[in-house]
Amino acid sequence: MITVPLVDLHRHLEGAMRTSTVLDIARSAGHPLPSTPRRRFVADTQLGGLLPYLDRVDAPAELIRTAEGWRRVAREVVLDAFDDGLAAVELRFSPWFVQSRTGVAPEAMIDAVVEGVAQAHELVELPVGLIGIMLRDLGPDGALPQMATILSRRDAFVAVDIAGNEAGYPAGDFAAAYAKAAEAGLRLTAHAGEAAGPESVWAAVRELGVERVGHGVRSAEDPRLMDHLAEHGIALEVALTSNVQTGAAASFAEHPVRTLLQHGVRVTLNTDNPRASNVTLSHEYGVAAVQAGLTPAEVETIAQNAAKASFVLG
């Protein structure tokens, strides 16, 4: 029995929206729908790589082509987190990704998400922190413009993140943008050590100065890196089911989460993309953690780690 309230530090807005909502909005707008939408939008099994998984995340987002649609999505995602009994949730999204796929202006999308969260707060009390994602795939030239968009709505966000092709676009490309975020008082996290190895995590830590790492599971391949993470209290935003579905871990039993814990790394459990992975955070703690071989004491420690590492609660 976990005594600490659960906190989700790593939940993508695009990967958390309800399938039924996506279909309702798309149908009302006259957009063509896939013949098997659930199979298109949800990963029920291992997919053999990150790209097929990301397709499950991205495809529904392409059908939300108005600010009003994103307002509804944000409201429902917060309510779903509340229904799962969470003590807090941190939602991350990329305004530039949404613009590239839907044509909704980044600023309008941010404003809509903020309004949707506010609408949810009229019904429920749940601390929500928004994290602005920059896309690695836009390269060095895209880093500062993306950060400028986030900072144009500085008060909407608690932190910044980068996501995308770890191997093709190194963290150093975003160092100047991260420096601006830190100067503005935003907290720092970054996707690393999921599709690339420990060197990706080292770069996020050394070149970006992150306090947390999104996924970071391949840190287990480098004992020196694990020691560094433990010594400096850098939390890993681990998502067990997602890691298995993308191939970052071969199976729950072979997931490196216990190795990381045994080295003193501040591991947390998260959903990543609840709809795309077909999970809730309570499922990750109650089912996936057991399948990964975690003891009740280790699960309790992980829950405590998440509360301590939260940007919105801390």
C-alpha atoms as a PDB file:
ATOM      1  CA  MET A   1       0.000   0.000   0.000  1.00  0.00           C
ATOM      2  CA  ILE A   2       1.545   3.273  -1.147  1.00  0.00           C
ATOM      3  CA  THR A   3       1.221   5.986   1.475  1.00  0.00           C
ATOM      4  CA  VAL A   4       2.516   8.854  -0.691  1.00  0.00           C
ATOM      5  CA  PRO A   5       0.056  10.505  -3.144  1.00  0.00           C
ATOM      6  CA  LEU A   6       1.028   9.795  -6.752  1.00  0.00           C
ATOM      7  CA  VAL A   7       2.541  12.507  -8.956  1.00  0.00           C
ATOM      8  CA  ASP A   8       3.045  12.194 -12.731  1.00  0.00           C
ATOM      9  CA  LEU A   9       6.068  14.220 -13.831  1.00  0.00           C
ATOM     10  CA  HIS A  10       6.174  13.080 -17.460  1.00  0.00           C
ATOM     11  CA  ARG A  11       2.849  13.121 -19.301  1.00  0.00           C
ATOM     12  CA  HIS A  12       2.524  14.356 -22.886  1.00  0.00           C
ATOM     13  CA  LEU A  13      -0.655  16.273 -23.597  1.00  0.00           C
ATOM     14  CA  GLU A  14      -0.872  14.867 -27.128  1.00  0.00           C
ATOM     15  CA  GLY A  15      -0.479  11.319 -25.839  1.00  0.00           C
ATOM     16  CA  ALA A  16      -3.040  11.721 -23.078  1.00  0.00           C
ATOM     17  CA  MET A  17      -6.069  13.020 -24.994  1.00  0.00           C
ATOM     18  CA  ARG A  18      -9.078  10.699 -25.101  1.00  0.00           C
ATOM     19  CA  THR A  19      -9.575   8.669 -28.277  1.00  0.00           C
ATOM     20  CA  SER A  20     -13.307   9.370 -28.083  1.00  0.00           C
ATOM     21  CA  THR A  21     -12.648  13.115 -27.985  1.00  0.00           C
ATOM     22  CA  VAL A  22     -10.309  12.959 -30.985  1.00  0.00           C
ATOM     23  CA  LEU A  23     -12.953  11.082 -32.973  1.00  0.00           C
ATOM     24  CA  ASP A  24     -15.711  13.478 -31.915  1.00  0.00           C
ATOM     25  CA  ILE A  25     -13.729  16.580 -32.877  1.00  0.00           C
ATOM     26  CA  ALA A  26     -12.487  15.081 -36.142  1.00  0.00           C
ATOM     27  CA  ARG A  27     -15.928  13.837 -37.157  1.00  0.00           C
ATOM     28  CA  SER A  28     -17.531  17.221 -36.392  1.00  0.00           C
ATOM     29  CA  ALA A  29     -14.911  18.937 -38.547  1.00  0.00           C
ATOM     30  CA  GLY A  30     -15.360  16.464 -41.407  1.00  0.00           C
ATOM     31  CA  HIS A  31     -11.822  15.066 -41.214  1.00  0.00           C
ATOM     32  CA  PRO A  32     -11.289  11.546 -42.607  1.00  0.00           C
ATOM     33  CA  LEU A  33     -10.893   8.951 -39.858  1.00  0.00           C
ATOM     34  CA  PRO A  34      -8.861   5.734 -39.821  1.00  0.00           C
ATOM     35  CA  SER A  35     -10.876   2.550 -40.267  1.00  0.00           C
ATOM     36  CA  THR A  36      -9.507   1.145 -36.993  1.00  0.00           C
ATOM     37  CA  PRO A  37      -8.907   4.247 -34.868  1.00  0.00           C
ATOM     38  CA  ARG A  38      -8.043   2.498 -31.633  1.00  0.00           C
ATOM     39  CA  ARG A  39      -5.334   0.445 -33.304  1.00  0.00           C
ATOM     40  CA  ARG A  40      -4.047   3.642 -34.935  1.00  0.00           C
ATOM     41  CA  PHE A  41      -3.983   5.634 -31.706  1.00  0.00           C
ATOM     42  CA  VAL A  42      -3.167   3.064 -28.997  1.00  0.00           C
ATOM     43  CA  ALA A  43      -0.230   0.702 -28.483  1.00  0.00           C
ATOM     44  CA  ASP A  44      -1.399  -2.496 -26.790  1.00  0.00           C
ATOM     45  CA  THR A  45       1.816  -4.417 -27.404  1.00  0.00           C
ATOM     46  CA  GLN A  46       5.518  -3.915 -28.031  1.00  0.00           C
ATOM     47  CA  LEU A  47       5.995  -1.961 -31.242  1.00  0.00           C
ATOM     48  CA  GLY A  48       9.657  -2.699 -31.912  1.00  0.00           C
ATOM     49  CA  GLY A  49      10.928   0.856 -31.838  1.00  0.00           C
ATOM     50  CA  LEU A  50      10.375   4.468 -30.890  1.00  0.00           C
ATOM     51  CA  LEU A  51       9.055   5.696 -34.247  1.00  0.00           C
ATOM     52  CA  PRO A  52       6.016   3.358 -34.434  1.00  0.00           C
ATOM     53  CA  TYR A  53       5.182   4.370 -30.885  1.00  0.00           C
ATOM     54  CA  LEU A  54       5.478   8.081 -31.624  1.00  0.00           C
ATOM     55  CA  ASP A  55       3.121   7.579 -34.554  1.00  0.00           C
ATOM     56  CA  ARG A  56       0.445   6.511 -32.048  1.00  0.00           C
ATOM     57  CA  VAL A  57       1.096   9.741 -30.158  1.00  0.00           C
ATOM     58  CA  ASP A  58       1.240  12.093 -33.143  1.00  0.00           C
ATOM     59  CA  ALA A  59      -1.578  10.830 -35.366  1.00  0.00           C
ATOM     60  CA  PRO A  60      -4.477  11.967 -33.139  1.00  0.00           C
ATOM     61  CA  ALA A  61      -2.886  15.373 -32.576  1.00  0.00           C
ATOM     62  CA  GLU A  62      -3.084  16.067 -36.303  1.00  0.00           C
ATOM     63  CA  LEU A  63      -6.890  15.961 -36.046  1.00  0.00           C
ATOM     64  CA  ILE A  64      -7.170  18.710 -33.392  1.00  0.00           C
ATOM     65  CA  ARG A  65      -6.984  21.724 -35.701  1.00  0.00           C
ATOM     66  CA  THR A  66      -8.547  24.512 -33.649  1.00  0.00           C
ATOM     67  CA  ALA A  67      -7.672  26.292 -30.430  1.00  0.00           C
ATOM     68  CA  GLU A  68     -11.082  25.297 -29.070  1.00  0.00           C
ATOM     69  CA  GLY A  69     -10.206  21.658 -29.633  1.00  0.00           C
ATOM     70  CA  TRP A  70      -6.983  22.013 -27.628  1.00  0.00           C
ATOM     71  CA  ARG A  71      -8.895  23.813 -24.880  1.00  0.00           C
ATOM     72  CA  ARG A  72     -11.225  20.817 -24.571  1.00  0.00           C
ATOM     73  CA  VAL A  73      -8.358  18.346 -24.695  1.00  0.00           C
ATOM     74  CA  ALA A  74      -6.451  20.106 -21.902  1.00  0.00           C
ATOM     75  CA  ARG A  75      -9.521  20.283 -19.696  1.00  0.00           C
ATOM     76  CA  GLU A  76     -10.239  16.571 -20.091  1.00  0.00           C
ATOM     77  CA  VAL A  77      -6.626  15.497 -19.557  1.00  0.00           C
ATOM     78  CA  VAL A  78      -6.583  17.288 -16.198  1.00  0.00           C
ATOM     79  CA  LEU A  79      -9.909  15.735 -15.205  1.00  0.00           C
ATOM     80  CA  ASP A  80      -8.623  12.273 -16.153  1.00  0.00           C
ATOM     81  CA  ALA A  81      -5.565  12.780 -13.939  1.00  0.00           C
ATOM     82  CA  PHE A  82      -7.861  13.798 -11.093  1.00  0.00           C
ATOM     83  CA  ASP A  83     -10.021  10.707 -11.636  1.00  0.00           C
ATOM     84  CA  ASP A  84      -6.914   8.537 -11.325  1.00  0.00           C
ATOM     85  CA  GLY A  85      -6.350   9.994  -7.857  1.00  0.00           C
ATOM     86  CA  LEU A  86      -3.177  11.951  -8.612  1.00  0.00           C
ATOM     87  CA  ALA A  87      -1.849  14.578  -6.223  1.00  0.00           C
ATOM     88  CA  ALA A  88      -0.338  16.584  -9.100  1.00  0.00           C
ATOM     89  CA  VAL A  89       0.362  16.256 -12.809  1.00  0.00           C
ATOM     90  CA  GLU A  90       2.875  17.924 -15.096  1.00  0.00           C
ATOM     91  CA  LEU A  91       1.781  18.151 -18.735  1.00  0.00           C
ATOM     92  CA  ARG A  92       4.249  18.765 -21.530  1.00  0.00           C
ATOM     93  CA  PHE A  93       3.599  19.722 -25.121  1.00  0.00           C
ATOM     94  CA  SER A  94       5.272  21.320 -28.130  1.00  0.00           C
ATOM     95  CA  PRO A  95       3.424  24.343 -29.562  1.00  0.00           C
ATOM     96  CA  TRP A  96       5.623  24.203 -32.659  1.00  0.00           C
ATOM     97  CA  PHE A  97       4.811  20.550 -33.287  1.00  0.00           C
ATOM     98  CA  VAL A  98       1.105  21.350 -33.090  1.00  0.00           C
ATOM     99  CA  GLN A  99       1.513  24.238 -35.515  1.00  0.00           C
ATOM    100  CA  SER A 100       3.423  22.046 -37.982  1.00  0.00           C
ATOM    101  CA  ARG A 101       0.696  19.394 -37.974  1.00  0.00           C
ATOM    102  CA  THR A 102      -2.476  21.472 -37.558  1.00  0.00           C
ATOM    103  CA  GLY A 103      -1.792  25.086 -38.464  1.00  0.00           C
ATOM    104  CA  VAL A 104      -2.830  26.333 -35.004  1.00  0.00           C
ATOM    105  CA  ALA A 105      -0.509  29.203 -34.045  1.00  0.00           C
ATOM    106  CA  PRO A 106       1.829  28.275 -31.156  1.00  0.00           C
ATOM    107  CA  GLU A 107       0.707  31.200 -29.011  1.00  0.00           C
ATOM    108  CA  ALA A 108      -2.966  30.395 -29.593  1.00  0.00           C
ATOM    109  CA  MET A 109      -2.358  26.765 -28.692  1.00  0.00           C
ATOM    110  CA  ILE A 110      -0.617  27.713 -25.431  1.00  0.00           C
ATOM    111  CA  ASP A 111      -3.422  30.095 -24.501  1.00  0.00           C
ATOM    112  CA  ALA A 112      -6.004  27.398 -25.226  1.00  0.00           C
ATOM    113  CA  VAL A 113      -4.223  24.860 -23.020  1.00  0.00           C
ATOM    114  CA  VAL A 114      -4.011  27.374 -20.169  1.00  0.00           C
ATOM    115  CA  GLU A 115      -7.729  28.086 -20.526  1.00  0.00           C
ATOM    116  CA  GLY A 116      -8.553  24.372 -20.577  1.00  0.00           C
ATOM    117  CA  VAL A 117      -6.585  23.796 -17.379  1.00  0.00           C
ATOM    118  CA  ALA A 118      -8.396  26.741 -15.782  1.00  0.00           C
ATOM    119  CA  GLN A 119     -11.760  25.243 -16.777  1.00  0.00           C
ATOM    120  CA  ALA A 120     -10.769  21.957 -15.146  1.00  0.00           C
ATOM    121  CA  HIS A 121      -9.801  23.837 -11.996  1.00  0.00           C
ATOM    122  CA  GLU A 122     -13.350  25.163 -11.758  1.00  0.00           C
ATOM    123  CA  LEU A 123     -14.383  21.556 -11.077  1.00  0.00           C
ATOM    124  CA  VAL A 124     -11.429  19.933  -9.310  1.00  0.00           C
ATOM    125  CA  GLU A 125      -8.456  20.871  -7.161  1.00  0.00           C
ATOM    126  CA  LEU A 126      -5.336  19.415  -8.760  1.00  0.00           C
ATOM    127  CA  PRO A 127      -1.940  21.131  -9.072  1.00  0.00           C
ATOM    128  CA  VAL A 128      -0.956  21.239 -12.755  1.00  0.00           C
ATOM    129  CA  GLY A 129       2.391  22.294 -14.169  1.00  0.00           C
ATOM    130  CA  LEU A 130       2.890  22.940 -17.885  1.00  0.00           C
ATOM    131  CA  ILE A 131       6.212  22.126 -19.555  1.00  0.00           C
ATOM    132  CA  GLY A 132       7.053  23.621 -22.946  1.00  0.00           C
ATOM    133  CA  ILE A 133       8.802  21.243 -25.342  1.00  0.00           C
ATOM    134  CA  MET A 134      11.281  22.301 -27.992  1.00  0.00           C
ATOM    135  CA  LEU A 135      11.767  19.926 -30.927  1.00  0.00           C
ATOM    136  CA  ARG A 136      15.299  18.690 -31.528  1.00  0.00           C
ATOM    137  CA  ASP A 137      14.427  17.931 -35.129  1.00  0.00           C
ATOM    138  CA  LEU A 138      14.196  21.635 -36.016  1.00  0.00           C
ATOM    139  CA  GLY A 139      17.930  21.823 -35.376  1.00  0.00           C
ATOM    140  CA  PRO A 140      20.098  24.638 -33.984  1.00  0.00           C
ATOM    141  CA  ASP A 141      18.336  27.304 -36.025  1.00  0.00           C
ATOM    142  CA  GLY A 142      15.008  26.385 -34.461  1.00  0.00           C
ATOM    143  CA  ALA A 143      16.129  26.408 -30.840  1.00  0.00           C
ATOM    144  CA  LEU A 144      15.968  30.117 -30.018  1.00  0.00           C
ATOM    145  CA  PRO A 145      12.725  30.790 -31.972  1.00  0.00           C
ATOM    146  CA  GLN A 146      11.039  27.945 -30.098  1.00  0.00           C
ATOM    147  CA  MET A 147      12.282  29.302 -26.789  1.00  0.00           C
ATOM    148  CA  ALA A 148      11.044  32.763 -27.730  1.00  0.00           C
ATOM    149  CA  THR A 149       7.554  31.332 -28.205  1.00  0.00           C
ATOM    150  CA  ILE A 150       7.658  29.673 -24.792  1.00  0.00           C
ATOM    151  CA  LEU A 151       8.961  32.810 -23.101  1.00  0.00           C
ATOM    152  CA  SER A 152       6.255  34.902 -24.784  1.00  0.00           C
ATOM    153  CA  ARG A 153       3.928  33.019 -22.425  1.00  0.00           C
ATOM    154  CA  ARG A 154       6.420  32.685 -19.566  1.00  0.00           C
ATOM    155  CA  ASP A 155       3.784  32.624 -16.822  1.00  0.00           C
ATOM    156  CA  ALA A 156       2.079  29.603 -18.406  1.00  0.00           C
ATOM    157  CA  PHE A 157       5.039  27.278 -17.825  1.00  0.00           C
ATOM    158  CA  VAL A 158       6.986  25.799 -14.941  1.00  0.00           C
ATOM    159  CA  ALA A 159       9.721  24.199 -17.066  1.00  0.00           C
ATOM    160  CA  VAL A 160      11.157  23.480 -20.523  1.00  0.00           C
ATOM    161  CA  ASP A 161      12.085  20.240 -22.266  1.00  0.00           C
ATOM    162  CA  ILE A 162      13.514  19.000 -25.557  1.00  0.00           C
ATOM    163  CA  ALA A 163      12.243  15.929 -27.398  1.00  0.00           C
ATOM    164  CA  GLY A 164      12.901  14.269 -30.715  1.00  0.00           C
ATOM    165  CA  ASN A 165      15.866  12.674 -32.473  1.00  0.00           C
ATOM    166  CA  GLU A 166      18.528  12.292 -29.757  1.00  0.00           C
ATOM    167  CA  ALA A 167      21.155  10.908 -32.094  1.00  0.00           C
ATOM    168  CA  GLY A 168      20.689  13.424 -34.903  1.00  0.00           C
ATOM    169  CA  TYR A 169      20.488  16.630 -32.898  1.00  0.00           C
ATOM    170  CA  PRO A 170      22.766  16.824 -29.848  1.00  0.00           C
ATOM    171  CA  ALA A 171      21.770  18.592 -26.670  1.00  0.00           C
ATOM    172  CA  GLY A 172      24.441  21.218 -27.180  1.00  0.00           C
ATOM    173  CA  ASP A 173      22.374  22.684 -30.018  1.00  0.00           C
ATOM    174  CA  PHE A 174      19.924  23.838 -27.344  1.00  0.00           C
ATOM    175  CA  ALA A 175      22.370  25.167 -24.753  1.00  0.00           C
ATOM    176  CA  ALA A 176      21.754  28.838 -25.575  1.00  0.00           C
ATOM    177  CA  ALA A 177      17.985  28.345 -25.459  1.00  0.00           C
ATOM    178  CA  TYR A 178      18.227  26.540 -22.115  1.00  0.00           C
ATOM    179  CA  ALA A 179      20.340  29.378 -20.740  1.00  0.00           C
ATOM    180  CA  LYS A 180      17.526  31.784 -21.602  1.00  0.00           C
ATOM    181  CA  ALA A 181      14.998  29.516 -19.914  1.00  0.00           C
ATOM    182  CA  ALA A 182      17.090  29.321 -16.756  1.00  0.00           C
ATOM    183  CA  GLU A 183      17.531  33.086 -16.758  1.00  0.00           C
ATOM    184  CA  ALA A 184      13.739  33.424 -16.930  1.00  0.00           C
ATOM    185  CA  GLY A 185      13.371  31.165 -13.891  1.00  0.00           C
ATOM    186  CA  LEU A 186      12.068  28.061 -15.676  1.00  0.00           C
ATOM    187  CA  ARG A 187      13.032  24.604 -14.441  1.00  0.00           C
ATOM    188  CA  LEU A 188      14.940  22.282 -16.769  1.00  0.00           C
ATOM    189  CA  THR A 189      14.352  18.747 -18.005  1.00  0.00           C
ATOM    190  CA  ALA A 190      15.194  16.974 -21.284  1.00  0.00           C
ATOM    191  CA  HIS A 191      14.421  13.725 -23.076  1.00  0.00           C
ATOM    192  CA  ALA A 192      17.628  11.676 -23.132  1.00  0.00           C
ATOM    193  CA  GLY A 193      18.815   8.114 -22.720  1.00  0.00           C
ATOM    194  CA  GLU A 194      15.748   6.590 -24.366  1.00  0.00           C
ATOM    195  CA  ALA A 195      16.594   6.185 -28.051  1.00  0.00           C
ATOM    196  CA  ALA A 196      20.285   6.979 -27.519  1.00  0.00           C
ATOM    197  CA  GLY A 197      22.818   5.818 -24.951  1.00  0.00           C
ATOM    198  CA  PRO A 198      24.415   7.257 -21.810  1.00  0.00           C
ATOM    199  CA  GLU A 199      26.249   9.904 -23.832  1.00  0.00           C
ATOM    200  CA  SER A 200      22.870  11.541 -24.500  1.00  0.00           C
ATOM    201  CA  VAL A 201      22.217  11.805 -20.758  1.00  0.00           C
ATOM    202  CA  TRP A 202      25.702  13.145 -20.088  1.00  0.00           C
ATOM    203  CA  ALA A 203      25.091  15.861 -22.692  1.00  0.00           C
ATOM    204  CA  ALA A 204      21.758  16.855 -21.149  1.00  0.00           C
ATOM    205  CA  VAL A 205      23.355  17.103 -17.722  1.00  0.00           C
ATOM    206  CA  ARG A 206      26.594  18.822 -18.701  1.00  0.00           C
ATOM    207  CA  GLU A 207      25.486  21.065 -21.550  1.00  0.00           C
ATOM    208  CA  LEU A 208      21.924  21.906 -20.534  1.00  0.00           C
ATOM    209  CA  GLY A 209      22.173  21.754 -16.745  1.00  0.00           C
ATOM    210  CA  VAL A 210      18.959  19.731 -16.365  1.00  0.00           C
ATOM    211  CA  GLU A 211      17.479  18.849 -12.980  1.00  0.00           C
ATOM    212  CA  ARG A 212      15.553  15.878 -14.374  1.00  0.00           C
ATOM    213  CA  VAL A 213      15.924  13.578 -17.380  1.00  0.00           C
ATOM    214  CA  GLY A 214      12.992  12.291 -19.426  1.00  0.00           C
ATOM    215  CA  HIS A 215      13.321   8.486 -19.465  1.00  0.00           C
ATOM    216  CA  GLY A 216      17.112   8.244 -19.038  1.00  0.00           C
ATOM    217  CA  VAL A 217      16.907   4.457 -18.671  1.00  0.00           C
ATOM    218  CA  ARG A 218      20.078   3.816 -20.648  1.00  0.00           C
ATOM    219  CA  SER A 219      21.990   5.556 -17.866  1.00  0.00           C
ATOM    220  CA  ALA A 220      22.165   2.049 -16.400  1.00  0.00           C
ATOM    221  CA  GLU A 221      24.798   1.210 -19.020  1.00  0.00           C
ATOM    222  CA  ASP A 222      27.299   3.606 -17.407  1.00  0.00           C
ATOM    223  CA  PRO A 223      28.071   3.141 -13.677  1.00  0.00           C
ATOM    224  CA  ARG A 224      29.933   6.456 -13.581  1.00  0.00           C
ATOM    225  CA  LEU A 225      26.862   8.247 -14.939  1.00  0.00           C
ATOM    226  CA  MET A 226      24.607   6.562 -12.391  1.00  0.00           C
ATOM    227  CA  ASP A 227      26.951   7.687  -9.627  1.00  0.00           C
ATOM    228  CA  HIS A 228      26.828  11.253 -10.984  1.00  0.00           C
ATOM    229  CA  LEU A 229      23.026  11.266 -11.170  1.00  0.00           C
ATOM    230  CA  ALA A 230      22.780   9.930  -7.623  1.00  0.00           C
ATOM    231  CA  GLU A 231      25.325  12.366  -6.225  1.00  0.00           C
ATOM    232  CA  HIS A 232      23.611  15.393  -7.765  1.00  0.00           C
ATOM    233  CA  GLY A 233      20.030  14.275  -7.128  1.00  0.00           C
ATOM    234  CA  ILE A 234      19.060  14.344 -10.821  1.00  0.00           C
ATOM    235  CA  ALA A 235      15.744  12.530 -11.185  1.00  0.00           C
ATOM    236  CA  LEU A 236      14.872  10.145 -14.009  1.00  0.00           C
ATOM    237  CA  GLU A 237      11.322  10.332 -15.389  1.00  0.00           C
ATOM    238  CA  VAL A 238      10.907   6.607 -16.084  1.00  0.00           C
ATOM    239  CA  ALA A 239       7.834   5.190 -17.841  1.00  0.00           C
ATOM    240  CA  LEU A 240       7.857   1.398 -17.565  1.00  0.00           C
ATOM    241  CA  THR A 241       5.128   0.449 -20.045  1.00  0.00           C
ATOM    242  CA  SER A 242       6.211   3.046 -22.606  1.00  0.00           C
ATOM    243  CA  ASN A 243       9.834   1.910 -22.328  1.00  0.00           C
ATOM    244  CA  VAL A 244       8.828  -1.668 -23.109  1.00  0.00           C
ATOM    245  CA  GLN A 245       6.558  -0.643 -25.975  1.00  0.00           C
ATOM    246  CA  THR A 246       9.291   1.456 -27.617  1.00  0.00           C
ATOM    247  CA  GLY A 247      12.034  -1.088 -27.070  1.00  0.00           C
ATOM    248  CA  ALA A 248      14.010   1.089 -24.647  1.00  0.00           C
ATOM    249  CA  ALA A 249      13.634  -1.958 -22.373  1.00  0.00           C
ATOM    250  CA  ALA A 250      13.269  -5.507 -23.698  1.00  0.00           C
ATOM    251  CA  SER A 251      10.615  -6.429 -21.130  1.00  0.00           C
ATOM    252  CA  PHE A 252       9.355  -5.438 -17.693  1.00  0.00           C
ATOM    253  CA  ALA A 253      11.552  -8.093 -16.098  1.00  0.00           C
ATOM    254  CA  GLU A 254      14.624  -6.795 -17.963  1.00  0.00           C
ATOM    255  CA  HIS A 255      13.915  -3.112 -17.347  1.00  0.00           C
ATOM    256  CA  PRO A 256      16.953  -1.420 -15.736  1.00  0.00           C
ATOM    257  CA  VAL A 257      14.838   0.368 -13.126  1.00  0.00           C
ATOM    258  CA  ARG A 258      16.143  -1.782 -10.248  1.00  0.00           C
ATOM    259  CA  THR A 259      19.758  -1.279 -11.316  1.00  0.00           C
ATOM    260  CA  LEU A 260      19.195   2.458 -11.278  1.00  0.00           C
ATOM    261  CA  LEU A 261      17.571   2.339  -7.844  1.00  0.00           C
ATOM    262  CA  GLN A 262      20.347   0.178  -6.425  1.00  0.00           C
ATOM    263  CA  HIS A 263      22.856   2.821  -7.511  1.00  0.00           C
ATOM    264  CA  GLY A 264      20.927   5.463  -5.590  1.00  0.00           C
ATOM    265  CA  VAL A 265      19.483   7.197  -8.669  1.00  0.00           C
ATOM    266  CA  ARG A 266      16.319   9.197  -7.953  1.00  0.00           C
ATOM    267  CA  VAL A 267      13.906   7.166 -10.097  1.00  0.00           C
ATOM    268  CA  THR A 268      10.299   8.261 -10.613  1.00  0.00           C
ATOM    269  CA  LEU A 269       7.427   6.451 -12.379  1.00  0.00           C
ATOM    270  CA  ASN A 270       5.314   8.196 -15.005  1.00  0.00           C
ATOM    271  CA  THR A 271       2.836   7.450 -17.778  1.00  0.00           C
ATOM    272  CA  ASP A 272       4.549   9.226 -20.713  1.00  0.00           C
ATOM    273  CA  ASN A 273       1.457   8.897 -22.942  1.00  0.00           C
ATOM    274  CA  PRO A 274      -1.534   7.406 -21.084  1.00  0.00           C
ATOM    275  CA  ARG A 275      -3.748   6.960 -24.154  1.00  0.00           C
ATOM    276  CA  ALA A 276      -1.012   5.793 -26.482  1.00  0.00           C
ATOM    277  CA  SER A 277       0.329   3.335 -23.895  1.00  0.00           C
ATOM    278  CA  ASN A 278      -3.149   2.428 -22.592  1.00  0.00           C
ATOM    279  CA  VAL A 279      -2.147   2.985 -18.964  1.00  0.00           C
ATOM    280  CA  THR A 280      -2.857   5.105 -15.915  1.00  0.00           C
ATOM    281  CA  LEU A 281      -0.298   6.087 -13.305  1.00  0.00           C
ATOM    282  CA  SER A 282      -2.008   3.871 -10.738  1.00  0.00           C
ATOM    283  CA  HIS A 283      -1.546   0.999 -13.225  1.00  0.00           C
ATOM    284  CA  GLU A 284       2.166   1.733 -13.507  1.00  0.00           C
ATOM    285  CA  TYR A 285       2.543   1.555  -9.740  1.00  0.00           C
ATOM    286  CA  GLY A 286       0.201  -1.370  -9.166  1.00  0.00           C
ATOM    287  CA  VAL A 287       0.908  -3.581 -12.169  1.00  0.00           C
ATOM    288  CA  ALA A 288       3.968  -2.576 -14.187  1.00  0.00           C
ATOM    289  CA  ALA A 289       6.109  -2.031 -11.086  1.00  0.00           C
ATOM    290  CA  VAL A 290       5.336  -5.551  -9.866  1.00  0.00           C
ATOM    291  CA  GLN A 291       6.138  -7.018 -13.287  1.00  0.00           C
ATOM    292  CA  ALA A 292       9.453  -5.139 -13.211  1.00  0.00           C
ATOM    293  CA  GLY A 293      10.296  -6.848  -9.920  1.00  0.00           C
ATOM    294  CA  LEU A 294      10.077  -3.800  -7.674  1.00  0.00           C
ATOM    295  CA  THR A 295       9.484  -4.403  -3.984  1.00  0.00           C
ATOM    296  CA  PRO A 296       6.840  -2.495  -2.008  1.00  0.00           C
ATOM    297  CA  ALA A 297       9.626  -0.517  -0.312  1.00  0.00           C
ATOM    298  CA  GLU A 298      11.137   0.411  -3.680  1.00  0.00           C
ATOM    299  CA  VAL A 299       7.748   1.484  -5.023  1.00  0.00           C
ATOM    300  CA  GLU A 300       7.226   3.670  -1.953  1.00  0.00           C
ATOM    301  CA  THR A 301      10.661   5.250  -2.476  1.00  0.00           C
ATOM    302  CA  ILE A 302       9.832   5.975  -6.108  1.00  0.00           C
ATOM    303  CA  ALA A 303       6.577   7.688  -5.147  1.00  0.00           C
ATOM    304  CA  GLN A 304       8.457   9.819  -2.622  1.00  0.00           C
ATOM    305  CA  ASN A 305      11.048  10.669  -5.277  1.00  0.00           C
ATOM    306  CA  ALA A 306       8.350  11.935  -7.639  1.00  0.00           C
ATOM    307  CA  ALA A 307       6.803  14.214  -5.023  1.00  0.00           C
ATOM    308  CA  LYS A 308      10.237  15.650  -4.139  1.00  0.00           C
ATOM    309  CA  ALA A 309      11.260  16.114  -7.793  1.00  0.00           C
ATOM    310  CA  SER A 310       8.031  17.803  -8.882  1.00  0.00           C
ATOM    311  CA  PHE A 311       8.370  21.251 -10.397  1.00  0.00           C
ATOM    312  CA  VAL A 312       4.806  22.192  -9.494  1.00  0.00           C
ATOM    313  CA  LEU A 313       4.881  20.979  -5.885  1.00  0.00           C
ATOM    314  CA  GLY A 314       8.468  21.977  -5.092  1.00  0.00           C
END
